[in-house]
Amino acid sequence: MTNKQAMFRLQRVADAAAARKIDRTRHKCFVSYHADDMLEVETFIDDFGSEFIARSVGVTVEDDFIDSDDPEYIKRRIREEYLTDSTVTIVLLGKCTWSRKFVDWEISSSLRNDTNNRRNGLLVYPLPSMNNSATLPGRIGDNWTEGDQAASYARYRTYPASAPAIRSNIESAFSDRTSKGHLVDNSRVLRERSSSCS
């Protein structure tokens, strides 16, 4: 199974989870993750996907724009292909998520704010295997100050214990798009390659 096929399978899980609840106030959330964490990501979406509408298919080597040398083009295409109708990006952190170039590209595209697309709120959870502690991707670190949520655009939280908890976190990240937009730092150069991780 290719990465893209696995991601489409995950989207079907997300669609089934969202269909368990009819609620017009739910936000559309893009879910960013490392493919090695697919089982935990699937569990997250199955457990909490009724509280948001997941957009989980992400960038892979099968996308036609990944070889471009133009970072603005890459961010625009990610926005158009995957993020266009989402308002919050949820980043799920596993052991090696910090090292993945596609995760960095998805985060950067989420923070992009232009005439066609507003930026997404940014909500970050370590996966259960990380015991609520994980290495942050650099771009998330640029937008989060430990112990000072007022000075942070990104919301880094412990893995949610309940549906109301995730719903509240998503709502806060959504509100941050306007109230904290001035805090966004998206100046880091896009990762050109994934780092090795052991």
N, C-alpha and C. Protein backbone atom coordinates (compact mmCIF):
# COMPACT_ATOMS: atom_id res chain seq x y z
N MET A 1 0.84 -1.18 0.00
CA MET A 1 0.00 0.00 0.00
C MET A 1 0.89 1.25 0.00
N THR A 2 0.64 2.17 -0.90
CA THR A 2 1.42 3.40 -0.95
C THR A 2 0.99 4.33 0.19
N ASN A 3 1.83 5.33 0.47
CA ASN A 3 1.48 6.32 1.51
C ASN A 3 0.16 7.00 1.18
N LYS A 4 -0.05 7.33 -0.10
CA LYS A 4 -1.27 8.02 -0.50
C LYS A 4 -2.49 7.12 -0.27
N GLN A 5 -2.37 5.83 -0.58
CA GLN A 5 -3.48 4.89 -0.34
C GLN A 5 -3.78 4.78 1.15
N ALA A 6 -2.73 4.74 1.98
CA ALA A 6 -2.93 4.67 3.43
C ALA A 6 -3.61 5.93 3.93
N MET A 7 -3.25 7.07 3.37
CA MET A 7 -3.87 8.33 3.78
C MET A 7 -5.33 8.41 3.35
N PHE A 8 -5.64 7.89 2.18
CA PHE A 8 -7.04 7.86 1.77
C PHE A 8 -7.85 6.93 2.68
N ARG A 9 -7.24 5.81 3.11
CA ARG A 9 -7.90 4.91 4.06
C ARG A 9 -8.18 5.66 5.37
N LEU A 10 -7.20 6.43 5.82
CA LEU A 10 -7.38 7.23 7.04
C LEU A 10 -8.50 8.25 6.86
N GLN A 11 -8.61 8.84 5.67
CA GLN A 11 -9.68 9.80 5.43
C GLN A 11 -11.04 9.12 5.53
N ARG A 12 -11.13 7.87 5.09
CA ARG A 12 -12.40 7.14 5.22
C ARG A 12 -12.75 6.93 6.69
N VAL A 13 -11.75 6.64 7.54
CA VAL A 13 -11.99 6.52 8.98
C VAL A 13 -12.48 7.86 9.52
N ALA A 14 -11.86 8.95 9.07
CA ALA A 14 -12.26 10.30 9.51
C ALA A 14 -13.69 10.61 9.10
N ASP A 15 -14.04 10.27 7.88
CA ASP A 15 -15.40 10.53 7.41
C ASP A 15 -16.43 9.74 8.23
N ALA A 16 -16.11 8.50 8.55
CA ALA A 16 -17.02 7.67 9.35
C ALA A 16 -17.15 8.24 10.76
N ALA A 17 -16.06 8.71 11.35
CA ALA A 17 -16.11 9.30 12.69
C ALA A 17 -16.94 10.57 12.69
N ALA A 18 -16.75 11.42 11.68
CA ALA A 18 -17.50 12.68 11.60
C ALA A 18 -18.99 12.42 11.42
N ALA A 19 -19.33 11.33 10.72
CA ALA A 19 -20.73 11.02 10.45
C ALA A 19 -21.49 10.54 11.69
N ARG A 20 -20.78 10.22 12.76
CA ARG A 20 -21.43 9.76 13.99
C ARG A 20 -22.16 10.88 14.72
N LYS A 21 -21.92 12.11 14.29
CA LYS A 21 -22.52 13.25 15.01
C LYS A 21 -22.89 14.33 13.99
N ILE A 22 -24.07 14.88 14.15
CA ILE A 22 -24.47 16.01 13.30
C ILE A 22 -24.38 17.27 14.15
N ASP A 23 -23.47 18.14 13.76
CA ASP A 23 -23.23 19.35 14.54
C ASP A 23 -22.61 20.38 13.60
N ARG A 24 -23.37 21.40 13.27
CA ARG A 24 -22.92 22.41 12.32
C ARG A 24 -21.85 23.34 12.89
N THR A 25 -21.56 23.26 14.18
CA THR A 25 -20.57 24.15 14.76
C THR A 25 -19.16 23.55 14.75
N ARG A 26 -19.03 22.32 14.27
CA ARG A 26 -17.70 21.70 14.23
C ARG A 26 -16.81 22.40 13.21
N HIS A 27 -15.53 22.43 13.51
CA HIS A 27 -14.55 23.02 12.60
C HIS A 27 -13.94 21.94 11.72
N LYS A 28 -13.55 22.34 10.51
CA LYS A 28 -12.80 21.45 9.63
C LYS A 28 -11.33 21.58 10.00
N CYS A 29 -10.72 20.45 10.32
CA CYS A 29 -9.33 20.44 10.80
C CYS A 29 -8.47 19.57 9.90
N PHE A 30 -7.35 20.12 9.47
CA PHE A 30 -6.35 19.34 8.76
C PHE A 30 -5.49 18.65 9.81
N VAL A 31 -5.28 17.35 9.66
CA VAL A 31 -4.48 16.58 10.62
C VAL A 31 -3.13 16.27 9.98
N SER A 32 -2.07 16.78 10.59
CA SER A 32 -0.71 16.57 10.10
C SER A 32 -0.01 15.56 11.01
N TYR A 33 0.73 14.63 10.40
CA TYR A 33 1.36 13.55 11.17
C TYR A 33 2.43 12.89 10.32
N HIS A 34 3.23 12.06 10.95
CA HIS A 34 4.23 11.26 10.25
C HIS A 34 3.61 9.89 9.96
N ALA A 35 3.80 9.40 8.75
CA ALA A 35 3.17 8.15 8.32
C ALA A 35 3.51 6.96 9.23
N ASP A 36 4.65 6.98 9.90
CA ASP A 36 5.01 5.88 10.81
C ASP A 36 4.06 5.78 12.00
N ASP A 37 3.32 6.84 12.27
CA ASP A 37 2.40 6.88 13.41
C ASP A 37 0.96 6.61 13.01
N MET A 38 0.76 6.04 11.85
CA MET A 38 -0.58 5.87 11.28
C MET A 38 -1.57 5.19 12.23
N LEU A 39 -1.16 4.15 12.94
CA LEU A 39 -2.10 3.44 13.83
C LEU A 39 -2.58 4.34 14.95
N GLU A 40 -1.68 5.11 15.57
CA GLU A 40 -2.10 6.03 16.64
C GLU A 40 -2.94 7.17 16.09
N VAL A 41 -2.60 7.63 14.91
CA VAL A 41 -3.38 8.70 14.28
C VAL A 41 -4.79 8.21 13.98
N GLU A 42 -4.89 6.99 13.49
CA GLU A 42 -6.20 6.41 13.20
C GLU A 42 -7.04 6.29 14.48
N THR A 43 -6.40 5.88 15.58
CA THR A 43 -7.10 5.80 16.86
C THR A 43 -7.57 7.17 17.31
N PHE A 44 -6.71 8.19 17.18
CA PHE A 44 -7.08 9.56 17.54
C PHE A 44 -8.31 10.00 16.75
N ILE A 45 -8.28 9.78 15.46
CA ILE A 45 -9.40 10.22 14.61
C ILE A 45 -10.66 9.42 14.92
N ASP A 46 -10.52 8.13 15.15
CA ASP A 46 -11.69 7.32 15.47
C ASP A 46 -12.28 7.73 16.83
N ASP A 47 -11.42 8.04 17.81
CA ASP A 47 -11.89 8.42 19.15
C ASP A 47 -12.50 9.82 19.20
N PHE A 48 -11.91 10.76 18.47
CA PHE A 48 -12.30 12.17 18.61
C PHE A 48 -12.86 12.81 17.34
N GLY A 49 -12.90 12.06 16.25
CA GLY A 49 -13.30 12.62 14.96
C GLY A 49 -14.74 13.08 14.88
N SER A 50 -15.54 12.75 15.86
CA SER A 50 -16.92 13.26 15.86
C SER A 50 -16.97 14.72 16.31
N GLU A 51 -15.88 15.22 16.89
CA GLU A 51 -15.84 16.59 17.41
C GLU A 51 -15.31 17.61 16.40
N PHE A 52 -14.83 17.13 15.26
CA PHE A 52 -14.36 18.01 14.20
C PHE A 52 -14.51 17.25 12.88
N ILE A 53 -14.33 17.94 11.79
CA ILE A 53 -14.39 17.31 10.49
C ILE A 53 -12.95 17.23 9.99
N ALA A 54 -12.40 16.02 9.99
CA ALA A 54 -10.98 15.83 9.69
C ALA A 54 -10.70 15.87 8.20
N ARG A 55 -9.67 16.58 7.88
CA ARG A 55 -9.08 16.58 6.55
C ARG A 55 -7.68 16.02 6.74
N SER A 56 -7.50 14.72 6.51
CA SER A 56 -6.26 14.08 6.94
C SER A 56 -5.32 13.64 5.84
N VAL A 57 -5.71 13.76 4.60
CA VAL A 57 -4.80 13.34 3.54
C VAL A 57 -3.74 14.43 3.36
N GLY A 58 -2.48 14.05 3.46
CA GLY A 58 -1.42 15.04 3.42
C GLY A 58 -0.45 14.84 2.27
N VAL A 59 0.60 15.61 2.31
CA VAL A 59 1.60 15.63 1.26
C VAL A 59 2.41 14.33 1.29
N THR A 60 2.67 13.78 0.11
CA THR A 60 3.52 12.60 -0.03
C THR A 60 4.43 12.77 -1.24
N VAL A 61 5.33 11.83 -1.41
CA VAL A 61 6.23 11.87 -2.57
C VAL A 61 5.46 11.72 -3.87
N GLU A 62 4.22 11.32 -3.79
CA GLU A 62 3.41 11.15 -4.99
C GLU A 62 2.83 12.47 -5.51
N ASP A 63 2.95 13.55 -4.75
CA ASP A 63 2.44 14.85 -5.20
C ASP A 63 3.37 15.44 -6.25
N ASP A 64 2.79 16.06 -7.27
CA ASP A 64 3.58 16.54 -8.40
C ASP A 64 4.39 17.80 -8.11
N PHE A 65 4.15 18.49 -7.02
CA PHE A 65 4.83 19.75 -6.75
C PHE A 65 6.02 19.62 -5.81
N ILE A 66 6.30 18.43 -5.31
CA ILE A 66 7.32 18.31 -4.26
C ILE A 66 8.74 18.57 -4.74
N ASP A 67 8.98 18.50 -6.04
CA ASP A 67 10.34 18.73 -6.54
C ASP A 67 10.61 20.19 -6.87
N SER A 68 9.65 21.04 -6.63
CA SER A 68 9.83 22.45 -6.94
C SER A 68 10.87 23.08 -6.01
N ASP A 69 11.59 24.06 -6.54
CA ASP A 69 12.54 24.83 -5.74
C ASP A 69 11.93 26.13 -5.24
N ASP A 70 10.66 26.33 -5.51
CA ASP A 70 9.97 27.58 -5.16
C ASP A 70 9.11 27.36 -3.92
N PRO A 71 9.57 27.80 -2.74
CA PRO A 71 8.82 27.56 -1.51
C PRO A 71 7.41 28.16 -1.51
N GLU A 72 7.24 29.32 -2.13
CA GLU A 72 5.91 29.94 -2.17
C GLU A 72 4.95 29.09 -3.00
N TYR A 73 5.45 28.54 -4.09
CA TYR A 73 4.64 27.65 -4.93
C TYR A 73 4.24 26.40 -4.14
N ILE A 74 5.19 25.81 -3.43
CA ILE A 74 4.91 24.60 -2.63
C ILE A 74 3.83 24.91 -1.59
N LYS A 75 3.99 25.99 -0.85
CA LYS A 75 3.00 26.34 0.18
C LYS A 75 1.62 26.61 -0.42
N ARG A 76 1.62 27.29 -1.57
CA ARG A 76 0.34 27.58 -2.22
C ARG A 76 -0.35 26.29 -2.67
N ARG A 77 0.40 25.37 -3.25
CA ARG A 77 -0.18 24.12 -3.73
C ARG A 77 -0.70 23.26 -2.56
N ILE A 78 0.04 23.21 -1.46
CA ILE A 78 -0.43 22.47 -0.28
C ILE A 78 -1.74 23.08 0.20
N ARG A 79 -1.78 24.39 0.25
CA ARG A 79 -2.99 25.09 0.68
C ARG A 79 -4.16 24.74 -0.23
N GLU A 80 -3.92 24.79 -1.54
CA GLU A 80 -4.98 24.52 -2.51
C GLU A 80 -5.43 23.06 -2.48
N GLU A 81 -4.48 22.15 -2.37
CA GLU A 81 -4.78 20.72 -2.46
C GLU A 81 -5.36 20.14 -1.17
N TYR A 82 -4.87 20.61 -0.01
CA TYR A 82 -5.19 19.92 1.24
C TYR A 82 -5.82 20.79 2.32
N LEU A 83 -5.49 22.05 2.37
CA LEU A 83 -5.91 22.88 3.51
C LEU A 83 -7.04 23.84 3.19
N THR A 84 -7.45 23.93 1.96
CA THR A 84 -8.28 25.03 1.49
C THR A 84 -9.54 25.29 2.31
N ASP A 85 -10.22 24.26 2.80
CA ASP A 85 -11.44 24.53 3.57
C ASP A 85 -11.29 24.24 5.06
N SER A 86 -10.05 24.05 5.52
CA SER A 86 -9.85 23.81 6.96
C SER A 86 -9.56 25.13 7.67
N THR A 87 -9.81 25.16 8.97
CA THR A 87 -9.57 26.38 9.75
C THR A 87 -8.59 26.15 10.89
N VAL A 88 -8.35 24.89 11.25
CA VAL A 88 -7.41 24.54 12.31
C VAL A 88 -6.56 23.38 11.80
N THR A 89 -5.26 23.44 12.07
CA THR A 89 -4.38 22.31 11.79
C THR A 89 -4.02 21.66 13.11
N ILE A 90 -4.25 20.35 13.19
CA ILE A 90 -3.87 19.56 14.37
C ILE A 90 -2.63 18.78 13.99
N VAL A 91 -1.53 19.00 14.71
CA VAL A 91 -0.29 18.28 14.47
C VAL A 91 -0.15 17.22 15.55
N LEU A 92 -0.06 15.97 15.14
CA LEU A 92 0.08 14.85 16.07
C LEU A 92 1.54 14.42 16.07
N LEU A 93 2.16 14.52 17.25
CA LEU A 93 3.60 14.29 17.36
C LEU A 93 3.94 12.88 17.82
N GLY A 94 4.67 12.18 16.99
CA GLY A 94 5.27 10.91 17.36
C GLY A 94 6.76 11.11 17.53
N LYS A 95 7.49 10.02 17.58
CA LYS A 95 8.92 10.07 17.83
C LYS A 95 9.69 10.88 16.79
N CYS A 96 9.33 10.74 15.52
CA CYS A 96 10.11 11.36 14.45
C CYS A 96 9.38 12.45 13.68
N THR A 97 8.23 12.87 14.15
CA THR A 97 7.45 13.89 13.43
C THR A 97 8.27 15.15 13.21
N TRP A 98 9.06 15.52 14.21
CA TRP A 98 9.86 16.75 14.14
C TRP A 98 10.80 16.75 12.93
N SER A 99 11.17 15.59 12.43
CA SER A 99 12.21 15.48 11.42
C SER A 99 11.68 15.41 9.99
N ARG A 100 10.37 15.42 9.80
CA ARG A 100 9.77 15.18 8.49
C ARG A 100 9.54 16.46 7.70
N LYS A 101 10.04 16.49 6.47
CA LYS A 101 9.91 17.70 5.66
C LYS A 101 8.46 17.98 5.31
N PHE A 102 7.67 16.93 5.03
CA PHE A 102 6.28 17.18 4.64
C PHE A 102 5.47 17.76 5.79
N VAL A 103 5.76 17.35 7.02
CA VAL A 103 5.08 17.94 8.19
C VAL A 103 5.43 19.42 8.28
N ASP A 104 6.70 19.75 8.09
CA ASP A 104 7.11 21.16 8.11
C ASP A 104 6.38 21.94 7.03
N TRP A 105 6.27 21.36 5.83
CA TRP A 105 5.58 22.04 4.73
C TRP A 105 4.11 22.26 5.06
N GLU A 106 3.48 21.28 5.68
CA GLU A 106 2.05 21.40 6.04
C GLU A 106 1.85 22.48 7.10
N ILE A 107 2.76 22.53 8.08
CA ILE A 107 2.67 23.56 9.13
C ILE A 107 2.87 24.94 8.52
N SER A 108 3.89 25.07 7.68
CA SER A 108 4.16 26.36 7.05
C SER A 108 2.97 26.82 6.20
N SER A 109 2.39 25.90 5.45
CA SER A 109 1.22 26.25 4.64
C SER A 109 0.03 26.62 5.51
N SER A 110 -0.09 25.98 6.67
CA SER A 110 -1.18 26.30 7.60
C SER A 110 -1.04 27.71 8.15
N LEU A 111 0.20 28.17 8.32
CA LEU A 111 0.44 29.51 8.88
C LEU A 111 0.40 30.60 7.83
N ARG A 112 0.37 30.21 6.59
CA ARG A 112 0.33 31.18 5.49
C ARG A 112 -1.00 31.92 5.50
N ASN A 113 -0.95 33.22 5.31
CA ASN A 113 -2.16 34.04 5.28
C ASN A 113 -2.08 34.93 4.04
N ASP A 114 -3.00 34.73 3.11
CA ASP A 114 -2.97 35.53 1.90
C ASP A 114 -4.39 35.89 1.48
N THR A 115 -4.52 36.50 0.32
CA THR A 115 -5.83 36.97 -0.12
C THR A 115 -6.80 35.83 -0.41
N ASN A 116 -6.29 34.65 -0.76
CA ASN A 116 -7.16 33.52 -1.08
C ASN A 116 -7.49 32.64 0.12
N ASN A 117 -6.59 32.56 1.06
CA ASN A 117 -6.77 31.66 2.21
C ASN A 117 -6.30 32.30 3.50
N ARG A 118 -7.14 32.17 4.52
CA ARG A 118 -6.73 32.64 5.84
C ARG A 118 -5.93 31.55 6.51
N ARG A 119 -5.05 31.95 7.40
CA ARG A 119 -4.22 30.96 8.10
C ARG A 119 -5.09 30.09 9.01
N ASN A 120 -4.58 28.94 9.34
CA ASN A 120 -5.25 28.03 10.27
C ASN A 120 -4.76 28.28 11.68
N GLY A 121 -5.62 27.96 12.65
CA GLY A 121 -5.15 27.85 14.02
C GLY A 121 -4.23 26.65 14.09
N LEU A 122 -3.36 26.60 15.10
CA LEU A 122 -2.37 25.52 15.20
C LEU A 122 -2.45 24.85 16.56
N LEU A 123 -2.88 23.58 16.56
CA LEU A 123 -3.08 22.80 17.78
C LEU A 123 -2.17 21.58 17.71
N VAL A 124 -1.39 21.35 18.76
CA VAL A 124 -0.37 20.31 18.75
C VAL A 124 -0.58 19.35 19.92
N TYR A 125 -0.61 18.06 19.61
CA TYR A 125 -0.73 17.02 20.63
C TYR A 125 0.37 15.97 20.46
N PRO A 126 1.07 15.60 21.55
CA PRO A 126 1.93 14.42 21.46
C PRO A 126 1.04 13.18 21.49
N LEU A 127 1.40 12.18 20.71
CA LEU A 127 0.64 10.94 20.70
C LEU A 127 0.88 10.16 22.00
N PRO A 128 -0.02 9.25 22.36
CA PRO A 128 0.12 8.51 23.63
C PRO A 128 1.48 7.83 23.80
N SER A 129 2.05 7.32 22.73
CA SER A 129 3.35 6.65 22.84
C SER A 129 4.46 7.59 23.29
N MET A 130 4.22 8.89 23.23
CA MET A 130 5.22 9.88 23.62
C MET A 130 5.09 10.31 25.08
N ASN A 131 4.13 9.76 25.81
CA ASN A 131 3.94 10.10 27.23
C ASN A 131 3.84 11.60 27.46
N ASN A 132 3.09 12.27 26.58
CA ASN A 132 2.85 13.71 26.68
C ASN A 132 4.10 14.57 26.62
N SER A 133 5.12 14.07 25.93
CA SER A 133 6.33 14.84 25.72
C SER A 133 6.96 14.42 24.41
N ALA A 134 7.17 15.35 23.51
CA ALA A 134 7.74 15.02 22.20
C ALA A 134 8.59 16.18 21.71
N THR A 135 9.54 15.87 20.86
CA THR A 135 10.35 16.91 20.23
C THR A 135 9.48 17.67 19.25
N LEU A 136 9.51 18.98 19.36
CA LEU A 136 8.69 19.83 18.49
C LEU A 136 9.36 20.06 17.14
N PRO A 137 8.60 20.03 16.06
CA PRO A 137 9.14 20.52 14.79
C PRO A 137 9.57 21.98 14.98
N GLY A 138 10.65 22.37 14.30
CA GLY A 138 11.19 23.72 14.49
C GLY A 138 10.18 24.83 14.31
N ARG A 139 9.31 24.71 13.32
CA ARG A 139 8.34 25.77 13.03
C ARG A 139 7.30 25.89 14.15
N ILE A 140 6.98 24.78 14.81
CA ILE A 140 6.08 24.87 15.97
C ILE A 140 6.82 25.55 17.11
N GLY A 141 8.09 25.19 17.31
CA GLY A 141 8.89 25.85 18.34
C GLY A 141 8.98 27.35 18.13
N ASP A 142 8.99 27.79 16.87
CA ASP A 142 9.02 29.22 16.56
C ASP A 142 7.74 29.92 16.99
N ASN A 143 6.67 29.17 17.18
CA ASN A 143 5.35 29.74 17.44
C ASN A 143 4.77 29.34 18.80
N TRP A 144 5.62 28.77 19.67
CA TRP A 144 5.16 28.35 20.99
C TRP A 144 6.23 28.67 22.02
N THR A 145 5.80 29.30 23.11
CA THR A 145 6.69 29.61 24.21
C THR A 145 6.22 28.82 25.43
N GLU A 146 7.05 27.89 25.89
CA GLU A 146 6.66 27.04 27.02
C GLU A 146 6.27 27.90 28.23
N GLY A 147 5.12 27.58 28.79
CA GLY A 147 4.65 28.29 29.98
C GLY A 147 4.04 29.64 29.72
N ASP A 148 3.93 30.06 28.47
CA ASP A 148 3.39 31.38 28.17
C ASP A 148 2.45 31.31 26.95
N GLN A 149 1.24 30.80 27.16
CA GLN A 149 0.29 30.68 26.06
C GLN A 149 -0.08 32.04 25.48
N ALA A 150 -0.07 33.07 26.31
CA ALA A 150 -0.41 34.40 25.81
C ALA A 150 0.57 34.89 24.75
N ALA A 151 1.82 34.41 24.80
CA ALA A 151 2.84 34.82 23.84
C ALA A 151 3.01 33.79 22.72
N SER A 152 2.12 32.80 22.65
CA SER A 152 2.26 31.69 21.69
C SER A 152 1.09 31.66 20.72
N TYR A 153 1.41 31.47 19.44
CA TYR A 153 0.35 31.23 18.46
C TYR A 153 -0.07 29.76 18.51
N ALA A 154 0.90 28.88 18.54
CA ALA A 154 0.60 27.44 18.60
C ALA A 154 0.09 27.08 19.99
N ARG A 155 -0.83 26.13 20.03
CA ARG A 155 -1.34 25.59 21.29
C ARG A 155 -0.83 24.16 21.43
N TYR A 156 0.11 23.97 22.35
CA TYR A 156 0.68 22.65 22.62
C TYR A 156 0.00 22.12 23.88
N ARG A 157 -0.71 21.01 23.72
CA ARG A 157 -1.51 20.45 24.81
C ARG A 157 -1.17 18.98 25.03
N THR A 158 -1.51 18.47 26.21
CA THR A 158 -1.39 17.04 26.44
C THR A 158 -2.46 16.33 25.64
N TYR A 159 -2.24 15.06 25.37
CA TYR A 159 -3.19 14.28 24.58
C TYR A 159 -4.57 14.39 25.22
N PRO A 160 -5.61 14.63 24.44
CA PRO A 160 -6.94 14.88 25.02
C PRO A 160 -7.50 13.66 25.74
N ALA A 161 -8.16 13.93 26.85
CA ALA A 161 -8.76 12.86 27.66
C ALA A 161 -10.25 12.71 27.38
N SER A 162 -10.82 13.68 26.67
CA SER A 162 -12.27 13.63 26.43
C SER A 162 -12.63 14.44 25.19
N ALA A 163 -13.82 14.17 24.68
CA ALA A 163 -14.33 14.92 23.53
C ALA A 163 -14.49 16.41 23.86
N PRO A 164 -15.05 16.76 25.04
CA PRO A 164 -15.16 18.19 25.34
C PRO A 164 -13.79 18.90 25.40
N ALA A 165 -12.76 18.19 25.84
CA ALA A 165 -11.43 18.81 25.92
C ALA A 165 -10.91 19.15 24.53
N ILE A 166 -11.03 18.21 23.60
CA ILE A 166 -10.53 18.51 22.25
C ILE A 166 -11.38 19.58 21.59
N ARG A 167 -12.65 19.54 21.83
CA ARG A 167 -13.55 20.55 21.25
C ARG A 167 -13.15 21.95 21.72
N SER A 168 -12.87 22.08 23.01
CA SER A 168 -12.44 23.36 23.58
C SER A 168 -11.10 23.81 22.99
N ASN A 169 -10.16 22.89 22.86
CA ASN A 169 -8.84 23.24 22.30
C ASN A 169 -8.96 23.69 20.85
N ILE A 170 -9.79 23.01 20.07
CA ILE A 170 -9.98 23.39 18.67
C ILE A 170 -10.60 24.79 18.60
N GLU A 171 -11.59 25.04 19.43
CA GLU A 171 -12.24 26.36 19.43
C GLU A 171 -11.25 27.46 19.77
N SER A 172 -10.38 27.20 20.75
CA SER A 172 -9.36 28.20 21.12
C SER A 172 -8.39 28.44 19.97
N ALA A 173 -7.93 27.37 19.32
CA ALA A 173 -7.01 27.52 18.19
C ALA A 173 -7.67 28.28 17.04
N PHE A 174 -8.95 28.02 16.83
CA PHE A 174 -9.70 28.73 15.80
C PHE A 174 -9.73 30.23 16.11
N SER A 175 -10.01 30.58 17.34
CA SER A 175 -10.07 32.00 17.75
C SER A 175 -8.71 32.68 17.63
N ASP A 176 -7.63 31.93 17.84
CA ASP A 176 -6.29 32.49 17.76
C ASP A 176 -5.96 33.04 16.38
N ARG A 177 -6.65 32.55 15.34
CA ARG A 177 -6.36 33.01 13.97
C ARG A 177 -6.47 34.52 13.86
N THR A 178 -7.43 35.10 14.58
CA THR A 178 -7.59 36.55 14.52
C THR A 178 -6.96 37.24 15.73
N SER A 179 -7.14 36.68 16.91
CA SER A 179 -6.65 37.36 18.11
C SER A 179 -5.14 37.27 18.28
N LYS A 180 -4.48 36.28 17.66
CA LYS A 180 -3.04 36.12 17.84
C LYS A 180 -2.27 36.06 16.52
N GLY A 181 -2.91 36.46 15.45
CA GLY A 181 -2.23 36.41 14.15
C GLY A 181 -0.92 37.16 14.12
N HIS A 182 -0.81 38.21 14.91
CA HIS A 182 0.42 39.01 14.95
C HIS A 182 1.60 38.25 15.55
N LEU A 183 1.33 37.12 16.21
CA LEU A 183 2.40 36.34 16.83
C LEU A 183 3.01 35.30 15.89
N VAL A 184 2.42 35.10 14.73
CA VAL A 184 2.88 34.04 13.82
C VAL A 184 4.29 34.34 13.31
N ASP A 185 5.14 33.32 13.40
CA ASP A 185 6.48 33.38 12.83
C ASP A 185 6.60 32.23 11.83
N ASN A 186 6.54 32.58 10.56
CA ASN A 186 6.63 31.59 9.49
C ASN A 186 7.85 31.89 8.62
N SER A 187 8.90 32.46 9.24
CA SER A 187 10.06 32.91 8.49
C SER A 187 11.09 31.80 8.24
N ARG A 188 10.98 30.69 8.95
CA ARG A 188 11.93 29.59 8.79
C ARG A 188 11.88 29.07 7.34
N VAL A 189 13.03 28.78 6.78
CA VAL A 189 13.13 28.22 5.44
C VAL A 189 12.51 26.82 5.46
N LEU A 190 11.76 26.47 4.40
CA LEU A 190 11.17 25.13 4.32
C LEU A 190 12.25 24.06 4.36
N ARG A 191 11.96 22.98 5.08
CA ARG A 191 12.89 21.84 5.08
C ARG A 191 13.06 21.31 3.66
N GLU A 192 14.27 21.06 3.28
CA GLU A 192 14.51 20.50 1.95
C GLU A 192 14.48 18.99 1.96
N ARG A 193 14.74 18.38 3.13
CA ARG A 193 14.72 16.93 3.23
C ARG A 193 14.38 16.54 4.67
N SER A 194 13.94 15.33 4.82
CA SER A 194 13.69 14.81 6.17
C SER A 194 15.00 14.44 6.81
N SER A 195 15.11 14.63 8.11
CA SER A 195 16.30 14.24 8.86
C SER A 195 16.17 12.79 9.29
N SER A 196 17.29 12.17 9.55
CA SER A 196 17.24 10.80 10.09
C SER A 196 16.80 10.88 11.54
N CYS A 197 16.10 9.87 11.96
CA CYS A 197 15.56 9.84 13.33
C CYS A 197 15.64 8.40 13.81
N SER A 198 16.16 8.23 15.02
CA SER A 198 16.25 6.85 15.54
C SER A 198 15.57 6.73 16.88
